[in-house]
N, C-alpha and C. Protein backbone atom coordinates (compact mmCIF):
# COMPACT_ATOMS: atom_id res chain seq x y z
N UNK A 1 151.25 104.51 35.56
CA UNK A 1 151.64 102.68 35.63
C UNK A 1 152.14 101.39 34.64
N UNK A 2 152.59 100.82 34.58
CA UNK A 2 153.07 100.40 33.34
C UNK A 2 151.78 99.51 33.29
N UNK A 3 151.44 99.40 31.47
CA UNK A 3 150.65 97.94 31.01
C UNK A 3 151.36 97.06 30.94
N UNK A 4 151.00 95.68 30.05
CA UNK A 4 151.21 94.82 30.02
C UNK A 4 151.46 94.50 28.68
N UNK A 5 151.17 95.90 27.51
CA UNK A 5 151.10 95.73 26.25
C UNK A 5 152.42 96.33 25.65
N UNK A 6 153.32 96.51 26.62
CA UNK A 6 155.04 97.32 26.37
C UNK A 6 155.91 96.54 26.40
N UNK A 7 156.82 96.33 25.84
CA UNK A 7 157.52 95.32 26.22
C UNK A 7 159.36 96.27 25.80
N UNK A 8 160.26 95.55 26.01
CA UNK A 8 161.93 95.53 25.12
C UNK A 8 162.28 94.46 25.67
N UNK A 9 163.31 94.09 24.88
CA UNK A 9 164.28 93.01 24.78
C UNK A 9 165.36 93.46 24.69
N UNK A 10 166.69 93.32 25.60
CA UNK A 10 167.93 92.95 25.09
C UNK A 10 168.72 92.23 24.44
N UNK A 11 168.50 92.23 23.32
CA UNK A 11 169.17 91.49 22.63
C UNK A 11 169.43 92.28 20.98
N UNK A 12 170.67 91.52 20.22
CA UNK A 12 170.67 91.83 18.97
C UNK A 12 169.42 91.72 17.95
N UNK A 13 169.45 92.33 16.73
CA UNK A 13 167.92 92.50 16.27
C UNK A 13 167.26 91.54 16.13
N UNK A 14 168.26 90.67 15.71
CA UNK A 14 167.72 89.29 15.12
C UNK A 14 167.17 88.88 15.83
N UNK A 15 168.11 88.36 17.14
CA UNK A 15 167.45 87.67 17.77
C UNK A 15 166.55 88.19 18.87
N UNK A 16 166.23 89.45 18.82
CA UNK A 16 165.09 89.93 19.57
C UNK A 16 163.80 90.10 18.79
N UNK A 17 163.99 89.98 17.73
CA UNK A 17 162.48 90.13 16.52
C UNK A 17 162.28 88.51 16.97
N UNK A 18 163.37 87.35 16.56
CA UNK A 18 162.66 85.76 16.85
C UNK A 18 161.77 85.84 18.39
N UNK A 19 162.38 86.84 19.52
CA UNK A 19 161.53 86.48 20.96
C UNK A 19 160.33 87.21 20.47
N UNK A 20 160.35 88.09 20.32
CA UNK A 20 159.52 89.05 20.05
C UNK A 20 157.81 88.31 19.30
N UNK A 21 158.56 87.74 17.97
CA UNK A 21 157.67 87.02 16.98
C UNK A 21 157.41 85.46 17.95
N UNK A 22 157.89 84.98 18.51
CA UNK A 22 157.57 83.87 19.51
C UNK A 22 156.68 84.20 19.99
N UNK A 23 156.76 85.18 20.64
CA UNK A 23 155.71 85.68 22.55
C UNK A 23 154.64 86.06 21.61
N UNK A 24 154.45 86.81 20.35
CA UNK A 24 153.15 86.75 19.49
C UNK A 24 152.46 85.84 19.27
N UNK A 25 152.97 85.03 19.22
CA UNK A 25 152.87 83.45 18.46
C UNK A 25 152.26 82.54 19.34
N UNK A 26 152.76 82.46 20.52
CA UNK A 26 152.56 81.39 21.57
C UNK A 26 151.23 82.77 22.84
N UNK A 27 151.62 83.81 22.78
CA UNK A 27 150.41 84.36 24.20
C UNK A 27 149.31 85.20 23.00
N UNK A 28 149.71 85.02 21.77
CA UNK A 28 148.74 86.10 21.00
C UNK A 28 147.69 85.15 20.33
N UNK A 29 148.54 83.97 20.19
CA UNK A 29 148.11 83.35 19.00
C UNK A 29 148.00 83.36 17.33
N UNK A 30 149.00 84.65 17.35
CA UNK A 30 149.35 85.46 15.68
C UNK A 30 149.69 84.78 14.82
N UNK A 31 149.78 84.20 13.76
CA UNK A 31 150.11 84.17 12.48
C UNK A 31 151.19 85.19 12.14
N UNK A 32 152.10 84.74 11.93
CA UNK A 32 153.35 85.77 12.41
C UNK A 32 153.63 85.60 10.43
N UNK A 33 153.67 84.44 9.70
CA UNK A 33 154.48 84.58 8.11
C UNK A 33 153.72 85.47 7.22
N UNK A 34 153.44 86.48 7.05
CA UNK A 34 153.01 87.24 6.05
C UNK A 34 151.62 88.17 6.47
N UNK A 35 151.97 88.47 7.71
CA UNK A 35 150.79 88.81 8.79
C UNK A 35 151.16 90.73 8.72
N UNK A 36 149.83 91.03 8.19
CA UNK A 36 150.33 92.88 7.76
C UNK A 36 150.14 93.18 8.88
N UNK A 37 149.63 92.77 10.26
CA UNK A 37 149.15 93.12 11.57
C UNK A 37 150.95 92.49 12.37
N UNK A 38 151.91 92.35 12.14
CA UNK A 38 152.71 91.60 12.55
C UNK A 38 153.90 92.61 12.12
N UNK A 39 154.36 93.92 12.02
CA UNK A 39 154.78 95.07 11.83
C UNK A 39 156.64 94.59 12.31
N UNK A 40 157.43 94.90 11.84
CA UNK A 40 159.31 94.63 11.94
C UNK A 40 159.17 96.05 10.99
N UNK A 41 160.11 97.39 11.94
CA UNK A 41 160.68 98.18 11.38
C UNK A 41 162.10 98.42 12.06
N UNK A 42 163.05 98.29 11.56
CA UNK A 42 164.80 98.57 12.70
C UNK A 42 165.51 99.35 11.74
N UNK A 43 165.87 99.96 12.58
CA UNK A 43 167.11 101.75 13.21
C UNK A 43 168.41 101.27 13.20
N UNK A 44 169.16 102.20 12.83
CA UNK A 44 170.49 102.02 13.46
C UNK A 44 170.49 103.19 14.94
N UNK A 45 170.46 104.11 14.61
CA UNK A 45 170.02 105.22 15.84
C UNK A 45 168.65 105.72 15.17
N UNK A 46 167.92 105.18 16.32
CA UNK A 46 166.40 105.65 16.63
C UNK A 46 166.68 107.26 16.73
N UNK A 47 166.13 107.88 15.75
CA UNK A 47 165.62 109.53 16.06
C UNK A 47 164.40 109.68 16.09
N UNK A 48 164.15 111.03 16.51
CA UNK A 48 163.02 111.77 16.66
C UNK A 48 162.18 111.64 16.25
N UNK A 49 162.47 111.83 14.36
CA UNK A 49 161.70 111.53 13.12
C UNK A 49 161.47 110.04 13.03
N UNK A 50 162.30 109.59 13.64
CA UNK A 50 162.31 108.04 12.86
C UNK A 50 160.86 107.23 14.24
N UNK A 51 160.82 108.05 15.38
CA UNK A 51 159.74 107.77 16.76
C UNK A 51 158.12 108.20 16.52
N UNK A 52 158.58 109.53 16.18
CA UNK A 52 157.52 109.65 15.24
C UNK A 52 156.00 108.92 14.25
N UNK A 53 156.92 108.80 13.41
CA UNK A 53 156.57 107.69 11.89
C UNK A 53 156.50 105.84 12.66
N UNK A 54 157.13 105.97 13.61
CA UNK A 54 156.38 104.40 14.33
C UNK A 54 155.42 104.73 15.25
N UNK A 55 154.86 106.22 15.86
CA UNK A 55 153.71 106.36 16.26
C UNK A 55 152.72 106.79 15.22
N UNK A 56 152.63 107.12 13.99
CA UNK A 56 151.85 106.91 13.16
C UNK A 56 151.89 105.82 12.79
N UNK A 57 152.39 104.78 12.65
CA UNK A 57 152.53 103.68 11.79
C UNK A 57 151.69 102.68 13.14
N UNK A 58 151.85 103.17 14.33
CA UNK A 58 150.79 102.30 15.38
C UNK A 58 149.59 102.87 15.77
N UNK A 59 149.13 104.36 14.59
CA UNK A 59 147.91 104.70 15.49
C UNK A 59 146.92 103.69 14.68
N UNK A 60 147.20 103.27 13.31
CA UNK A 60 146.55 102.85 11.85
C UNK A 60 145.87 101.41 13.06
N UNK A 61 144.77 101.47 12.25
CA UNK A 61 144.11 100.00 12.76
C UNK A 61 144.92 98.85 12.56
N UNK A 62 143.73 97.57 12.79
CA UNK A 62 145.01 96.77 12.34
C UNK A 62 143.83 95.76 11.22
N UNK A 63 145.07 95.63 10.11
CA UNK A 63 143.92 94.72 8.96
C UNK A 63 143.09 93.96 8.86
N UNK A 64 143.51 92.49 10.06
CA UNK A 64 142.42 90.88 9.35
C UNK A 64 142.05 90.66 10.71
N UNK A 65 142.04 92.03 11.97
CA UNK A 65 141.26 91.42 13.21
C UNK A 65 142.09 92.62 14.53
N UNK A 66 141.40 92.05 15.58
CA UNK A 66 141.53 93.31 16.57
C UNK A 66 143.41 93.30 17.42
N UNK A 67 144.09 92.78 16.87
CA UNK A 67 145.51 92.76 17.43
C UNK A 67 146.19 93.07 16.39
N UNK A 68 147.04 93.91 16.68
CA UNK A 68 148.37 94.17 15.99
C UNK A 68 150.11 93.87 17.20
N UNK A 69 150.58 94.02 16.06
CA UNK A 69 152.18 93.95 17.43
C UNK A 69 153.11 94.69 16.06
N UNK A 70 153.99 95.78 16.45
CA UNK A 70 154.76 96.21 16.29
C UNK A 70 155.97 95.89 16.68
N UNK A 71 157.01 96.00 16.28
CA UNK A 71 158.42 95.78 16.81
C UNK A 71 159.32 96.56 16.22
N UNK A 72 160.10 96.84 17.43
CA UNK A 72 160.89 97.90 17.07
C UNK A 72 162.40 97.41 17.42
N UNK A 73 163.40 97.74 16.57
CA UNK A 73 164.74 97.19 16.73
C UNK A 73 165.42 98.25 16.19
N UNK A 74 166.77 98.65 17.46
CA UNK A 74 167.58 100.08 17.31
C UNK A 74 168.42 99.51 17.84
N UNK A 75 169.65 100.00 16.97
CA UNK A 75 171.03 99.96 17.99
C UNK A 75 171.09 100.81 18.94
N UNK A 76 170.46 101.95 19.01
CA UNK A 76 170.97 102.33 20.15
C UNK A 76 169.40 103.70 19.65
N UNK A 77 169.17 104.14 20.98
CA UNK A 77 168.08 105.81 20.22
C UNK A 77 168.58 106.90 21.25
N UNK A 78 168.00 107.57 20.47
CA UNK A 78 168.68 109.31 21.15
C UNK A 78 167.22 109.79 22.09
N UNK A 79 168.03 110.49 23.50
CA UNK A 79 166.81 110.29 24.66
C UNK A 79 165.51 111.34 24.31
N UNK A 80 165.54 111.98 22.97
CA UNK A 80 164.54 112.70 22.94
C UNK A 80 163.90 111.71 21.71
N UNK A 81 164.28 110.99 21.28
CA UNK A 81 163.36 110.29 20.30
C UNK A 81 162.66 109.38 21.33
N UNK A 82 163.61 108.79 22.74
CA UNK A 82 162.55 107.90 23.92
C UNK A 82 161.43 109.07 24.24
N UNK A 83 162.15 109.96 24.82
CA UNK A 83 160.87 110.77 24.98
C UNK A 83 159.50 110.88 24.06
N UNK A 84 160.01 110.52 22.98
CA UNK A 84 158.92 111.15 22.07
C UNK A 84 157.75 109.69 22.04
N UNK A 85 158.55 108.80 22.41
CA UNK A 85 157.90 107.05 22.85
C UNK A 85 156.68 106.79 23.95
N UNK A 86 157.03 107.96 25.30
CA UNK A 86 156.72 108.01 26.45
C UNK A 86 155.46 107.32 26.43
N UNK A 87 154.80 108.47 25.57
CA UNK A 87 153.09 108.05 25.85
C UNK A 87 153.04 106.85 24.89
N UNK A 88 153.62 106.76 23.91
CA UNK A 88 153.00 105.47 23.32
C UNK A 88 153.44 103.85 23.88
N UNK A 89 154.47 103.57 24.59
CA UNK A 89 154.33 103.05 25.03
C UNK A 89 153.66 103.14 26.58
N UNK A 90 153.39 103.99 27.33
CA UNK A 90 152.77 104.14 28.13
C UNK A 90 151.31 103.70 28.01
N UNK A 91 150.45 104.15 27.13
CA UNK A 91 149.40 103.97 26.55
C UNK A 91 149.11 103.63 24.83
N UNK A 92 149.22 102.31 24.72
CA UNK A 92 148.83 102.03 23.37
C UNK A 92 148.14 101.71 23.06
N UNK A 93 147.06 102.08 21.83
CA UNK A 93 145.77 101.65 21.50
C UNK A 93 145.50 100.38 21.83
N UNK A 94 144.96 100.35 21.96
CA UNK A 94 143.45 99.07 22.16
C UNK A 94 143.89 97.77 20.85
N UNK A 95 144.43 96.51 21.60
CA UNK A 95 145.01 96.27 20.58
C UNK A 95 146.25 95.79 20.02
N UNK A 96 146.63 96.65 20.70
CA UNK A 96 148.74 96.96 19.88
C UNK A 96 149.23 96.20 20.88
N UNK A 97 150.16 95.94 20.84
CA UNK A 97 151.45 94.93 21.65
C UNK A 97 153.04 95.71 21.10
N UNK A 98 153.30 96.47 21.45
CA UNK A 98 154.99 97.22 21.36
C UNK A 98 156.16 96.31 21.57
N UNK A 99 156.85 96.29 20.82
CA UNK A 99 158.37 95.54 21.21
C UNK A 99 159.56 96.31 20.94
N UNK A 100 160.24 97.05 21.59
CA UNK A 100 161.47 97.63 21.59
C UNK A 100 162.70 96.91 21.84
N UNK A 101 163.46 96.56 20.99
CA UNK A 101 164.57 96.25 21.04
C UNK A 101 166.24 96.81 21.02
N UNK A 102 166.70 96.61 21.89
CA UNK A 102 168.08 97.24 21.72
C UNK A 102 169.32 95.97 22.40
N UNK A 103 170.49 96.30 21.28
CA UNK A 103 171.62 95.20 22.21
C UNK A 103 171.50 95.85 24.00
N UNK A 104 171.45 96.75 24.67
CA UNK A 104 171.89 97.13 25.97
C UNK A 104 170.60 97.72 26.01
N UNK A 105 170.20 97.91 27.31
CA UNK A 105 169.29 98.66 27.67
C UNK A 105 169.58 99.88 28.58
N UNK A 106 170.90 99.47 29.28
CA UNK A 106 172.12 100.63 29.67
C UNK A 106 171.63 101.71 29.79
N UNK A 107 171.36 102.48 27.97
CA UNK A 107 171.06 104.02 28.05
C UNK A 107 169.70 103.98 27.52
N UNK A 108 168.91 103.17 28.04
CA UNK A 108 166.98 103.22 27.90
C UNK A 108 166.94 104.20 29.17
N UNK A 109 166.23 105.40 28.94
CA UNK A 109 165.89 106.06 29.76
C UNK A 109 164.95 105.34 30.82
N UNK A 110 164.80 105.80 32.45
CA UNK A 110 164.17 105.74 33.59
C UNK A 110 162.87 105.55 33.10
N UNK A 111 162.56 106.31 32.54
CA UNK A 111 160.40 107.03 32.69
C UNK A 111 160.33 106.19 31.27
N UNK A 112 161.21 106.22 30.31
CA UNK A 112 160.72 104.91 29.40
C UNK A 112 160.90 103.17 29.58
N UNK A 113 162.04 103.49 30.85
CA UNK A 113 161.96 101.76 31.75
C UNK A 113 161.24 101.35 32.54
N UNK A 114 160.55 102.10 33.14
CA UNK A 114 159.11 101.90 34.17
C UNK A 114 158.05 101.89 33.43
N UNK A 115 157.89 101.91 31.64
CA UNK A 115 156.56 101.90 31.20
C UNK A 115 156.57 100.28 30.83
N UNK A 116 158.04 99.45 30.78
CA UNK A 116 157.62 98.62 30.27
C UNK A 116 157.94 97.17 30.49
N UNK A 117 157.64 96.31 29.72
CA UNK A 117 158.12 95.32 30.53
C UNK A 117 159.48 94.35 30.27
N UNK A 118 160.18 93.49 30.56
CA UNK A 118 161.63 93.00 29.94
C UNK A 118 160.99 91.76 29.47
N UNK A 119 161.09 91.14 28.14
CA UNK A 119 161.38 89.82 28.51
C UNK A 119 162.53 89.26 27.91
N UNK A 120 162.02 88.23 28.31
CA UNK A 120 163.91 87.21 28.48
C UNK A 120 164.43 87.13 26.88
N UNK A 121 165.69 87.31 26.67
CA UNK A 121 166.34 87.63 25.12
C UNK A 121 166.68 86.43 24.41
N UNK A 122 166.52 84.78 24.97
CA UNK A 122 166.75 83.58 23.67
C UNK A 122 165.71 82.93 24.12
N UNK A 123 165.36 82.27 23.76
CA UNK A 123 164.11 81.21 23.61
C UNK A 123 164.61 79.61 24.02
N UNK A 124 163.73 78.98 24.24
CA UNK A 124 164.05 77.85 24.70
C UNK A 124 163.58 77.12 23.10
N UNK A 125 164.20 75.44 23.66
CA UNK A 125 163.84 74.58 22.23
C UNK A 125 162.34 74.79 21.42
N UNK A 126 161.39 74.90 22.16
CA UNK A 126 160.27 74.65 21.89
C UNK A 126 159.32 75.84 21.43
N UNK A 127 161.06 76.87 21.30
CA UNK A 127 160.72 78.14 20.73
C UNK A 127 159.66 79.39 21.76
N UNK A 128 159.90 79.04 22.86
CA UNK A 128 159.27 79.97 23.55
C UNK A 128 160.58 80.61 24.41
N UNK A 129 160.35 81.96 25.01
CA UNK A 129 161.25 83.13 25.59
C UNK A 129 161.68 81.70 27.02
N UNK A 130 163.12 81.98 26.73
CA UNK A 130 163.86 81.40 28.61
C UNK A 130 163.55 82.50 29.72
N UNK A 131 163.48 81.87 30.63
CA UNK A 131 163.30 83.07 31.89
C UNK A 131 164.83 82.96 32.50
N UNK A 132 165.47 84.26 32.13
CA UNK A 132 166.87 84.13 33.02
C UNK A 132 166.60 85.39 34.08
N UNK A 133 166.38 84.17 35.24
CA UNK A 133 166.26 84.67 36.87
C UNK A 133 168.04 84.78 37.54
N UNK A 134 168.22 85.48 37.82
CA UNK A 134 169.77 86.34 38.21
C UNK A 134 169.91 85.19 39.65
N UNK A 135 170.55 85.06 39.82
CA UNK A 135 170.90 84.31 41.31
C UNK A 135 170.81 85.02 42.58
N UNK A 136 171.12 86.18 42.62
CA UNK A 136 170.27 86.83 43.58
C UNK A 136 168.63 87.43 43.70
N UNK A 137 168.31 87.17 42.69
CA UNK A 137 166.65 87.03 42.78
C UNK A 137 166.60 85.81 43.18
N UNK A 138 167.00 84.40 42.72
CA UNK A 138 166.71 83.04 43.05
C UNK A 138 166.64 83.44 44.49
N UNK A 139 167.65 83.51 44.91
CA UNK A 139 168.66 83.68 46.19
C UNK A 139 166.83 84.33 47.15
N UNK A 140 167.01 85.21 46.25
CA UNK A 140 165.54 86.39 47.61
C UNK A 140 164.91 85.73 47.47
N UNK A 141 163.66 85.20 46.55
CA UNK A 141 162.79 84.22 46.28
C UNK A 141 162.94 83.41 47.16
N UNK A 142 163.98 82.43 47.19
CA UNK A 142 163.74 81.53 48.02
C UNK A 142 164.13 81.56 49.48
N UNK A 143 164.66 82.78 50.04
CA UNK A 143 164.84 82.60 51.38
C UNK A 143 163.07 82.68 52.21
N UNK A 144 164.06 82.48 53.56
CA UNK A 144 163.34 83.02 54.38
C UNK A 144 163.44 84.52 55.10
N UNK A 145 162.51 84.73 55.69
CA UNK A 145 162.08 85.95 55.94
C UNK A 145 163.08 86.95 56.98
N UNK A 146 163.78 85.88 57.24
CA UNK A 146 164.93 86.80 58.46
C UNK A 146 166.30 86.64 57.36
N UNK A 147 166.63 85.68 56.19
CA UNK A 147 167.72 85.61 55.18
C UNK A 147 167.23 87.08 54.14
N UNK A 148 166.05 87.08 53.82
CA UNK A 148 165.45 88.18 53.13
C UNK A 148 165.81 89.65 53.79
N UNK A 149 165.69 89.90 54.97
CA UNK A 149 165.88 90.99 55.72
C UNK A 149 167.62 90.96 55.71
N UNK A 150 168.57 90.19 55.81
CA UNK A 150 169.68 90.14 55.62
C UNK A 150 170.12 90.34 54.69
N UNK A 151 169.67 89.75 53.53
CA UNK A 151 169.59 91.14 51.99
C UNK A 151 169.84 91.99 52.02
N UNK A 152 168.60 92.22 52.87
CA UNK A 152 168.48 93.79 52.22
C UNK A 152 168.74 94.55 53.40
N UNK A 153 169.56 94.37 54.21
CA UNK A 153 170.51 94.68 55.09
C UNK A 153 171.72 95.66 54.31
N UNK A 154 172.67 93.86 53.72
CA UNK A 154 173.77 94.38 52.86
C UNK A 154 173.84 94.53 52.03
N UNK A 155 172.56 95.47 51.05
CA UNK A 155 172.31 96.03 50.08
C UNK A 155 172.35 97.33 50.82
N UNK A 156 172.47 97.95 51.56
CA UNK A 156 171.97 98.96 52.44
C UNK A 156 173.59 99.59 52.50
N UNK A 157 174.58 98.47 52.22
CA UNK A 157 175.78 99.32 53.19
C UNK A 157 177.13 99.66 52.42
N UNK A 158 176.37 100.53 50.93
CA UNK A 158 177.38 100.58 50.30
C UNK A 158 178.20 102.18 50.58
N UNK A 159 179.63 102.00 50.99
CA UNK A 159 180.34 102.96 51.45
C UNK A 159 180.31 104.37 50.85
N UNK A 160 180.55 104.30 49.56
CA UNK A 160 180.42 105.60 48.44
C UNK A 160 179.31 105.49 47.18
N UNK A 161 179.52 106.24 46.67
CA UNK A 161 178.48 106.79 45.58
C UNK A 161 178.40 105.23 44.49
N UNK A 162 179.78 104.67 44.03
CA UNK A 162 180.31 103.71 43.38
C UNK A 162 179.46 102.09 43.95
N UNK A 163 179.77 102.39 45.13
CA UNK A 163 179.01 100.99 45.44
C UNK A 163 177.63 100.98 45.77
N UNK A 164 177.11 102.22 45.88
CA UNK A 164 175.69 102.38 46.01
C UNK A 164 174.84 102.07 45.38
N UNK A 165 175.88 102.53 43.86
CA UNK A 165 175.18 102.50 42.99
C UNK A 165 175.11 100.82 42.37
N UNK A 166 176.00 100.14 42.99
CA UNK A 166 176.08 98.14 42.56
C UNK A 166 175.61 97.72 43.17
N UNK A 167 174.93 98.12 44.30
CA UNK A 167 174.54 97.41 44.87
C UNK A 167 172.71 97.50 44.47
N UNK A 168 172.53 98.93 44.35
CA UNK A 168 171.22 99.62 43.44
C UNK A 168 170.88 98.34 42.43
N UNK A 169 171.82 98.48 41.37
CA UNK A 169 172.02 97.65 40.62
C UNK A 169 171.82 95.82 40.28
N UNK A 170 171.94 95.53 41.78
CA UNK A 170 171.55 94.33 42.86
C UNK A 170 170.27 94.10 43.17
N UNK A 171 169.94 95.04 43.80
CA UNK A 171 168.18 95.22 43.80
C UNK A 171 167.63 95.40 42.57
N UNK A 172 168.02 95.48 41.81
CA UNK A 172 167.31 95.77 40.50
C UNK A 172 167.33 94.90 39.70
N UNK A 173 168.33 94.00 39.53
CA UNK A 173 168.47 92.49 39.17
C UNK A 173 166.98 91.69 39.95
N UNK A 174 167.23 91.87 41.89
CA UNK A 174 165.74 90.91 41.96
C UNK A 174 164.85 91.32 42.00
N UNK A 175 164.50 93.16 41.40
CA UNK A 175 162.87 93.28 40.95
C UNK A 175 162.77 92.48 39.24
N UNK A 176 163.60 92.73 38.96
CA UNK A 176 163.36 92.14 37.05
C UNK A 176 163.34 90.35 36.89
N UNK A 177 164.24 89.73 37.88
CA UNK A 177 164.17 88.64 37.67
C UNK A 177 162.61 87.77 38.64
N UNK A 178 162.45 88.22 39.75
CA UNK A 178 161.40 88.34 40.03
C UNK A 178 159.95 88.82 39.02
N UNK A 179 159.80 89.77 38.70
CA UNK A 179 159.39 89.98 37.02
C UNK A 179 158.62 89.03 36.12
N UNK A 180 160.55 88.58 35.56
CA UNK A 180 160.47 87.56 34.79
C UNK A 180 159.29 85.85 34.64
N UNK A 181 159.70 86.00 36.13
CA UNK A 181 158.99 84.38 36.13
C UNK A 181 157.83 84.75 36.76
N UNK A 182 157.50 85.89 37.27
CA UNK A 182 155.88 86.55 37.27
C UNK A 182 154.95 86.26 35.98
N UNK A 183 155.64 86.89 35.36
CA UNK A 183 155.07 86.94 34.15
C UNK A 183 155.26 85.51 33.03
N UNK A 184 156.02 84.91 32.84
CA UNK A 184 156.28 83.57 32.45
C UNK A 184 155.37 82.82 32.82
N UNK A 185 155.10 82.64 33.88
CA UNK A 185 154.14 81.39 34.89
C UNK A 185 152.52 81.98 34.26
N UNK A 186 152.63 83.38 33.98
CA UNK A 186 150.80 83.42 33.24
C UNK A 186 150.39 84.20 34.27
N UNK A 187 149.25 85.01 33.64
CA UNK A 187 149.15 86.53 34.72
C UNK A 187 147.32 86.58 35.28
N UNK A 188 147.43 85.74 35.90
CA UNK A 188 146.07 86.08 36.94
C UNK A 188 145.93 87.20 37.10
N UNK A 189 144.38 87.18 37.57
CA UNK A 189 144.67 88.83 38.31
C UNK A 189 145.29 89.41 39.57
N UNK A 190 144.98 88.51 40.34
CA UNK A 190 146.36 88.74 41.42
C UNK A 190 148.03 88.93 40.68
N UNK A 191 148.57 88.12 39.73
CA UNK A 191 149.54 88.46 38.87
C UNK A 191 149.91 89.64 38.40
N UNK A 192 148.89 90.25 37.78
CA UNK A 192 149.01 91.69 37.07
C UNK A 192 148.89 92.17 37.95
N UNK A 193 148.32 92.45 39.03
CA UNK A 193 148.64 93.60 40.00
C UNK A 193 149.73 93.76 40.35
N UNK A 194 150.84 92.77 41.47
CA UNK A 194 151.99 92.33 41.28
C UNK A 194 153.31 92.36 40.47
N UNK A 195 152.79 92.82 39.20
CA UNK A 195 153.60 93.10 38.15
C UNK A 195 153.69 94.79 37.55
N UNK A 196 152.00 94.63 38.29
CA UNK A 196 151.68 96.46 38.31
C UNK A 196 152.83 97.62 39.80
N UNK A 197 152.57 97.08 40.75
CA UNK A 197 153.62 97.39 41.90
C UNK A 197 155.06 96.61 41.52
N UNK A 198 155.48 96.05 40.86
CA UNK A 198 156.76 95.44 40.78
C UNK A 198 157.54 96.51 39.19
N UNK A 199 156.56 96.77 38.40
CA UNK A 199 156.93 98.47 38.08
C UNK A 199 157.15 99.35 38.24
N UNK A 200 156.10 99.48 39.65
CA UNK A 200 156.24 101.01 40.64
C UNK A 200 157.92 100.77 40.94
N UNK A 201 158.09 100.23 41.55
CA UNK A 201 159.34 99.78 42.43
C UNK A 201 160.20 100.06 41.52
N UNK A 202 160.59 99.68 40.71
CA UNK A 202 161.67 99.08 39.72
C UNK A 202 162.01 100.82 39.15
N UNK A 203 160.79 101.94 39.01
CA UNK A 203 160.40 102.96 38.95
C UNK A 203 161.35 104.15 39.68
N UNK A 204 160.91 104.06 40.65
CA UNK A 204 161.58 103.79 42.68
C UNK A 204 163.51 103.77 41.88
N UNK A 205 163.53 102.35 41.94
CA UNK A 205 165.33 102.53 42.47
C UNK A 205 165.83 103.49 40.74
N UNK A 206 165.49 103.55 40.34
CA UNK A 206 166.48 104.20 38.88
C UNK A 206 166.64 105.58 39.38
N UNK A 207 166.00 105.47 40.67
CA UNK A 207 166.82 106.95 41.60
C UNK A 207 167.95 106.86 42.69
N UNK A 208 168.56 107.85 42.32
CA UNK A 208 170.05 107.74 43.03
C UNK A 208 169.69 108.06 44.71
N UNK A 209 168.86 108.34 45.16
CA UNK A 209 168.49 108.27 46.20
C UNK A 209 167.00 107.55 46.52
N UNK A 210 166.99 106.26 45.87
CA UNK A 210 165.85 105.51 45.86
C UNK A 210 165.88 104.77 47.33
N UNK A 211 164.70 104.64 48.01
CA UNK A 211 164.64 104.12 49.54
C UNK A 211 164.51 102.30 49.49
N UNK A 212 165.49 102.04 49.08
CA UNK A 212 165.76 100.69 48.65
C UNK A 212 165.32 99.56 49.67
N UNK A 213 165.56 99.92 50.53
CA UNK A 213 165.15 99.05 51.84
C UNK A 213 163.89 98.68 52.00
N UNK A 214 162.95 99.90 51.84
CA UNK A 214 161.50 99.75 51.80
C UNK A 214 160.80 99.44 50.44
N UNK A 215 161.37 99.37 49.54
CA UNK A 215 161.34 98.76 48.02
C UNK A 215 161.70 97.63 48.09
N UNK A 216 162.30 97.03 48.92
CA UNK A 216 162.68 95.64 48.62
C UNK A 216 161.76 94.78 50.08
N UNK A 217 161.52 95.55 50.88
CA UNK A 217 161.05 95.23 52.09
C UNK A 217 159.74 95.02 51.53
N UNK A 218 158.88 96.15 51.14
CA UNK A 218 157.79 95.39 50.14
C UNK A 218 157.19 94.39 49.70
N UNK A 219 158.62 94.43 48.29
CA UNK A 219 158.39 93.73 47.30
C UNK A 219 158.53 92.22 48.25
N UNK A 220 158.90 92.18 49.21
CA UNK A 220 159.06 90.45 50.28
C UNK A 220 158.12 90.34 50.42
N UNK A 221 156.93 91.02 51.11
CA UNK A 221 155.34 91.29 51.02
C UNK A 221 154.56 90.63 50.22
N UNK A 222 155.08 90.93 49.13
CA UNK A 222 153.86 90.93 48.54
C UNK A 222 154.18 90.05 46.92
N UNK A 223 155.76 89.27 47.22
CA UNK A 223 155.69 87.52 46.46
C UNK A 223 155.21 86.50 47.01
N UNK A 224 153.93 86.20 46.10
CA UNK A 224 153.56 84.59 46.79
C UNK A 224 155.05 83.88 47.28
N UNK A 225 154.32 82.85 47.73
CA UNK A 225 155.63 82.39 48.63
C UNK A 225 155.66 80.95 47.06
N UNK A 226 154.78 80.51 46.64
CA UNK A 226 155.10 79.78 45.34
C UNK A 226 155.64 80.17 44.20
N UNK A 227 156.02 80.87 44.59
CA UNK A 227 156.90 81.30 42.66
C UNK A 227 157.62 81.05 42.12
N UNK A 228 158.72 79.96 42.75
CA UNK A 228 159.57 78.86 42.42
C UNK A 228 159.31 77.94 42.59
């Protein structure tokens, strides 16, 4: 089950770091400048050795308080390196928040992807991360029960593997868009449970044999009516 201390941002290093720092400032009240508890590590191709050094870095205690932020920016990451980070991203040390920034999340392993929260990759004029919700996610949230059923039926209509993959990606866009809105509006106890549910559902969608209909029907039942 995904916790909410581990995040990924799809962006180039500089832009992603700015988003992660803005989140830490807004959500954690942390001072960013000259703060030894806000650590940024930049890599080209993240190796297993790099991942191990990150784990050692994260294991250290905060210097000035109980909260620590570690931001890891990489152009790409070996699958072995991602596997080495799995346990760390699943259960970061208490008070530690992790951010992984990559230009594309296409190469992110499903096992790692299911353990993290995706943050929007840009900032609004007030320095806060923007909500990015796809058209299909917005349509799904606003739709009536009958319209959602029709959308789900359409997503089950793939005639070949390529078309089914595209429709599965569309279902993922719905799940990711809803997650982004829920997270941005603030996490109460009910929202925390919903985010956990969403993380589980998304993990299933990365499987080619995913029961897309059951996943979206369940999502339709659990998302609040006033989400947008």
